[in-house]
Protein backbone atom coordinates (compact mmCIF):
# COMPACT_ATOMS: atom_id res chain seq x y z
CA MET A 1 0.00 0.00 0.00
CA SER A 2 1.20 3.51 -0.81
CA ALA A 3 3.17 5.49 1.79
CA PRO A 4 2.95 9.27 2.42
CA HIS A 5 6.45 9.86 1.06
CA ASP A 6 5.35 8.43 -2.32
CA PHE A 7 3.28 11.54 -3.07
CA VAL A 8 4.44 14.98 -4.16
CA ILE A 9 1.60 17.30 -3.09
CA GLU A 10 1.57 21.10 -3.35
CA ASN A 11 -1.41 23.19 -2.19
CA GLY A 12 -3.80 20.27 -2.63
CA VAL A 13 -2.47 19.33 -6.08
CA LEU A 14 -1.00 15.86 -6.42
CA LYS A 15 1.96 16.61 -8.66
CA ARG A 16 3.46 13.15 -8.88
CA TYR A 17 3.24 9.67 -7.46
CA THR A 18 6.77 8.27 -7.07
CA GLY A 19 6.00 4.82 -5.66
CA SER A 20 5.57 1.47 -7.37
CA ASP A 21 2.60 -0.10 -5.54
CA GLU A 22 -0.14 -2.01 -7.34
CA GLU A 23 -2.81 -0.43 -5.11
CA VAL A 24 -2.67 3.27 -4.25
CA VAL A 25 -4.78 5.25 -1.78
CA ILE A 26 -4.64 8.95 -2.63
CA PRO A 27 -4.53 11.12 0.54
CA GLY A 28 -7.69 13.02 1.52
CA SER A 29 -5.80 16.32 1.34
CA VAL A 30 -5.71 16.12 -2.46
CA THR A 31 -8.26 18.21 -4.43
CA ILE A 32 -6.64 17.96 -7.87
CA ILE A 33 -4.88 14.98 -9.40
CA GLY A 34 -2.34 16.91 -11.43
CA GLU A 35 -1.16 16.61 -14.99
CA MET A 36 0.74 13.35 -15.60
CA ALA A 37 0.64 12.51 -11.85
CA PHE A 38 0.49 8.75 -12.49
CA GLU A 39 1.49 8.79 -16.17
CA GLY A 40 3.33 5.62 -17.13
CA CYS A 41 2.95 3.94 -13.71
CA VAL A 42 2.90 0.43 -15.14
CA SER A 43 2.71 -1.17 -11.68
CA LEU A 44 -0.56 0.67 -10.83
CA VAL A 45 -3.57 -1.68 -10.92
CA LYS A 46 -6.02 -0.10 -8.48
CA VAL A 47 -6.45 3.45 -7.17
CA HIS A 48 -8.69 4.87 -4.45
CA ILE A 49 -9.68 8.45 -5.28
CA PRO A 50 -11.02 10.37 -2.24
CA ASP A 51 -14.17 12.52 -2.25
CA SER A 52 -11.96 15.59 -1.84
CA VAL A 53 -10.87 15.38 -5.51
CA THR A 54 -12.71 17.69 -7.93
CA VAL A 55 -10.39 17.60 -10.96
CA ILE A 56 -8.50 14.80 -12.70
CA ASP A 57 -6.09 16.69 -14.92
CA ASP A 58 -4.65 15.96 -18.37
CA LEU A 59 -2.75 12.68 -18.78
CA ALA A 60 -3.20 11.95 -15.06
CA PHE A 61 -3.27 8.15 -15.43
CA CYS A 62 -2.16 7.84 -19.05
CA GLY A 63 -0.40 4.56 -19.79
CA SER A 64 -0.93 3.01 -16.35
CA ASN A 65 -2.19 -0.55 -15.84
CA LEU A 66 -5.41 0.33 -14.03
CA ILE A 67 -7.99 -2.46 -14.30
CA SER A 68 -10.97 -0.47 -13.05
CA VAL A 69 -11.53 2.97 -11.61
CA ASN A 70 -14.24 4.42 -9.40
CA ILE A 71 -14.47 8.16 -9.96
CA PRO A 72 -16.15 9.82 -6.96
CA GLY A 73 -19.13 12.16 -7.26
CA SER A 74 -16.97 15.10 -6.24
CA VAL A 75 -15.17 15.13 -9.60
CA THR A 76 -16.48 17.70 -12.11
CA ILE A 77 -13.68 17.77 -14.71
CA ILE A 78 -11.68 14.98 -16.33
CA GLY A 79 -8.89 16.37 -18.50
CA GLU A 80 -7.56 15.41 -21.90
CA MET A 81 -6.11 11.91 -22.23
CA ALA A 82 -6.54 11.39 -18.48
CA PHE A 83 -6.95 7.61 -18.88
CA SER A 84 -5.70 7.16 -22.44
CA SER A 85 -3.72 4.02 -23.28
CA CYS A 86 -4.77 2.31 -20.03
CA THR A 87 -4.89 -0.97 -21.90
CA SER A 88 -5.89 -3.05 -18.84
CA LEU A 89 -8.92 -0.88 -17.99
CA THR A 90 -12.10 -2.93 -18.40
CA SER A 91 -14.84 -0.72 -16.95
CA VAL A 92 -15.40 2.84 -15.84
CA HIS A 93 -18.27 4.68 -14.21
CA ILE A 94 -18.34 8.43 -14.83
CA PRO A 95 -20.44 10.08 -12.10
CA ASP A 96 -23.26 12.54 -12.78
CA SER A 97 -21.13 15.33 -11.30
CA VAL A 98 -18.86 15.35 -14.35
CA ALA A 99 -19.77 18.05 -16.85
CA THR A 100 -16.60 17.95 -18.94
CA ILE A 101 -14.34 15.20 -20.24
CA GLY A 102 -11.35 16.19 -22.33
CA ALA A 103 -10.32 14.99 -25.75
CA GLU A 104 -9.08 11.39 -26.03
CA VAL A 105 -9.83 10.80 -22.35
CA PHE A 106 -10.20 7.01 -22.79
CA ALA A 107 -8.56 6.68 -26.20
CA GLY A 108 -6.67 3.45 -26.71
CA CYS A 109 -8.24 1.66 -23.73
CA SER A 110 -8.34 -1.51 -25.76
CA ASN A 111 -9.89 -3.73 -23.05
CA LEU A 112 -12.66 -1.32 -22.04
CA THR A 113 -15.92 -3.23 -22.41
CA SER A 114 -18.39 -1.01 -20.57
CA VAL A 115 -18.73 2.67 -19.79
CA HIS A 116 -21.37 4.76 -18.07
CA ILE A 117 -21.83 8.19 -19.65
CA PRO A 118 -23.72 10.41 -17.18
CA GLY A 119 -26.77 12.56 -17.88
CA SER A 120 -24.72 15.64 -17.02
CA MET A 121 -22.66 15.40 -20.22
CA THR A 122 -23.48 17.74 -23.11
CA ILE A 123 -20.46 17.01 -25.29
CA ILE A 124 -18.60 13.77 -25.92
CA GLY A 125 -15.14 15.14 -26.70
CA ASN A 126 -12.99 14.55 -29.74
CA GLY A 127 -11.53 11.04 -29.72
CA ALA A 128 -12.98 10.37 -26.25
CA PHE A 129 -13.34 6.61 -26.83
CA ALA A 130 -11.27 6.19 -30.00
CA GLU A 131 -9.65 2.77 -30.43
CA CYS A 132 -11.58 1.22 -27.54
CA THR A 133 -11.60 -1.97 -29.55
CA SER A 134 -13.44 -4.11 -26.94
CA LEU A 135 -16.36 -1.69 -26.43
CA THR A 136 -19.49 -3.43 -27.73
CA GLU A 137 -22.32 -1.09 -26.76
CA VAL A 138 -22.71 2.50 -25.68
CA HIS A 139 -25.74 4.43 -24.48
CA ILE A 140 -25.53 8.17 -25.09
CA PRO A 141 -27.76 10.08 -22.62
CA ASP A 142 -30.39 12.64 -23.60
CA SER A 143 -28.21 15.47 -22.30
CA VAL A 144 -25.66 15.12 -25.14
CA ALA A 145 -25.88 17.61 -28.00
CA THR A 146 -22.53 17.01 -29.72
CA ILE A 147 -20.60 13.85 -30.52
CA GLY A 148 -17.07 15.05 -31.21
CA ALA A 149 -14.73 14.18 -34.04
CA GLU A 150 -13.41 10.61 -33.85
CA ALA A 151 -15.32 10.13 -30.57
CA PHE A 152 -15.78 6.40 -31.23
CA ALA A 153 -13.40 5.93 -34.17
CA GLU A 154 -11.94 2.45 -34.61
CA CYS A 155 -14.20 0.91 -31.96
CA THR A 156 -14.14 -2.28 -33.98
CA SER A 157 -16.35 -4.32 -31.60
CA LEU A 158 -19.09 -1.70 -31.30
CA THR A 159 -22.31 -3.28 -32.54
CA GLU A 160 -24.94 -0.98 -31.07
CA VAL A 161 -25.19 2.71 -30.31
CA HIS A 162 -28.18 4.77 -29.26
CA ILE A 163 -28.10 8.40 -30.43
CA PRO A 164 -30.72 10.45 -28.58
CA GLY A 165 -32.91 13.11 -30.15
CA THR A 166 -30.97 15.83 -28.35
CA VAL A 167 -27.90 15.34 -30.56
CA THR A 168 -27.52 18.04 -33.23
CA LYS A 169 -23.95 17.43 -34.39
CA ILE A 170 -21.97 14.30 -35.20
CA GLY A 171 -18.32 15.21 -35.78
CA ASP A 172 -15.87 14.18 -38.47
CA ARG A 173 -14.99 10.46 -38.37
CA ALA A 174 -17.06 10.07 -35.17
CA PHE A 175 -17.76 6.37 -35.90
CA CYS A 176 -15.12 5.83 -38.57
CA GLY A 177 -13.77 2.28 -38.61
CA CYS A 178 -16.59 0.82 -36.49
CA THR A 179 -16.59 -2.31 -38.62
CA SER A 180 -19.04 -4.27 -36.41
CA LEU A 181 -21.74 -1.59 -36.38
CA THR A 182 -24.66 -3.03 -38.32
CA SER A 183 -27.35 -0.38 -37.87
CA ILE A 184 -27.79 3.10 -36.47
CA HIS A 185 -30.69 5.50 -36.11
CA ILE A 186 -29.92 9.16 -36.75
CA PRO A 187 -32.52 11.35 -35.02
CA ASP A 188 -34.34 14.20 -36.75
CA GLY A 189 -32.57 16.81 -34.62
CA VAL A 190 -29.17 16.15 -36.21
CA THR A 191 -28.26 19.10 -38.43
CA THR A 192 -24.58 18.37 -39.00
CA ILE A 193 -22.86 15.10 -39.88
CA GLY A 194 -19.12 15.52 -40.36
CA GLU A 195 -16.87 14.09 -43.02
CA MET A 196 -16.39 10.32 -42.94
CA ALA A 197 -18.56 10.13 -39.79
CA PHE A 198 -19.52 6.51 -40.51
CA ASP A 199 -16.76 5.57 -42.95
């Protein structure tokens, strides 16, 4: 289990984890998991994020070996590529408190099979789930208005997707390379479909 000296914390921001434990408990004094704090921590399998955390910054866990992650309801922002290339990650629950997820936040999570997208989301960012090659089904909530460019590109196992009537824009290459997708219903409210959206 992680020790206090394994954390570099400044004014509530976890700057860097320097340990090598498989299971890490982030101290309750942390409010922001900083940019690249756990980036490349290949030994990291499980992390306990306290309710004090409100922001998970860019690249925070990029390239780690997390298997699953429980994001607490205190988190409102998940930065760009925060969990990208976490190839061991199988499931993730994004709480309803999250209003913003950055671009490519789960890109390259090749073993991700299930994801909960909360009703607080209005935009699914560019490349958010790109190359999640084990993702088979995704339910987009009624709060979403925009599906960003390459949001689900190269999700080669994706067979079913529900696009709600609230969506007005589907970005460029949003579902490009989804070779297992057999049918899709585009609601009447969609006014913009980007280039190669379903190529």
